[in-house]
Amino acid sequence: AKAFGDPSIAMSVKGQAIPAYDPRGLKGMGLGFATSNRGACHLRGYTPASEIVGVPEKTDPLA
């Protein structure tokens, strides 16, 4: 975005770029990206294990 002179077009949260995968199917991960104190960090609040594997119970990720 800086190269184009418009930082408003950056895909980032709190200055950190969003990881290269789409969190729309993992609602917990999207929530973590939005609320983490580090920005869109894939290390904090890592929820895919529980959302995909089914701990405590498996749900439809796109429901």
Protein backbone atom coordinates (compact mmCIF):
# COMPACT_ATOMS: atom_id res chain seq x y z
CA ALA A 1 0.00 0.00 0.00
CA LYS A 2 2.88 2.35 0.73
CA ALA A 3 4.26 1.74 -2.77
CA PHE A 4 0.97 2.99 -4.21
CA GLY A 5 0.86 5.94 -1.83
CA ASP A 6 -2.38 4.93 -0.15
CA PRO A 7 -2.06 3.04 3.16
CA SER A 8 -5.85 2.69 3.39
CA ILE A 9 -5.80 -0.12 0.80
CA ALA A 10 -3.56 -2.36 2.93
CA MET A 11 -5.05 -5.68 4.07
CA SER A 12 -3.89 -5.45 7.66
CA VAL A 13 -5.03 -5.26 11.26
CA LYS A 14 -3.12 -2.93 13.58
CA GLY A 15 -0.35 -2.66 10.99
CA GLN A 16 0.21 -6.41 10.65
CA ALA A 17 -0.65 -8.08 7.35
CA ILE A 18 -3.45 -10.63 7.32
CA PRO A 19 -2.18 -14.21 6.75
CA ALA A 20 -2.49 -15.62 3.24
CA TYR A 21 -5.54 -17.75 3.98
CA ASP A 22 -9.18 -16.79 4.27
CA PRO A 23 -10.65 -16.89 7.79
CA ARG A 24 -14.29 -16.70 6.64
CA GLY A 25 -14.76 -20.42 7.25
CA LEU A 26 -13.08 -20.17 10.65
CA LYS A 27 -15.09 -17.60 12.53
CA GLY A 28 -13.00 -17.90 15.70
CA MET A 29 -9.81 -17.18 13.78
CA GLY A 30 -11.38 -14.15 12.11
CA LEU A 31 -12.44 -12.89 15.52
CA GLY A 32 -8.91 -13.47 16.80
CA PHE A 33 -7.45 -11.48 13.88
CA ALA A 34 -9.75 -8.58 14.66
CA THR A 35 -9.26 -8.49 18.43
CA SER A 36 -5.68 -9.66 19.03
CA ASN A 37 -3.36 -7.18 20.69
CA ARG A 38 -0.79 -8.04 17.98
CA GLY A 39 -3.07 -7.48 15.01
CA ALA A 40 -3.86 -10.22 12.49
CA CYS A 41 -1.51 -12.71 14.12
CA HIS A 42 -1.98 -16.40 13.30
CA LEU A 43 -0.12 -17.43 16.46
CA ARG A 44 -2.37 -15.82 19.06
CA GLY A 45 -5.82 -17.26 19.56
CA TYR A 46 -5.11 -20.13 17.16
CA THR A 47 -8.53 -21.75 16.77
CA PRO A 48 -8.39 -23.95 13.63
CA ALA A 49 -7.60 -27.08 15.63
CA SER A 50 -10.79 -26.81 17.63
CA GLU A 51 -12.87 -25.51 14.72
CA ILE A 52 -11.76 -28.10 12.14
CA VAL A 53 -10.95 -31.20 14.19
CA GLY A 54 -14.00 -30.81 16.38
CA VAL A 55 -12.88 -30.09 19.92
CA PRO A 56 -15.17 -30.01 21.85
CA GLU A 57 -17.60 -30.83 19.01
CA LYS A 58 -17.39 -30.60 15.25
CA THR A 59 -19.49 -27.95 13.53
CA ASP A 60 -20.08 -26.89 9.95
CA PRO A 61 -17.49 -24.11 9.40
CA LEU A 62 -19.63 -22.33 6.83
CA ALA A 63 -22.92 -22.47 8.73
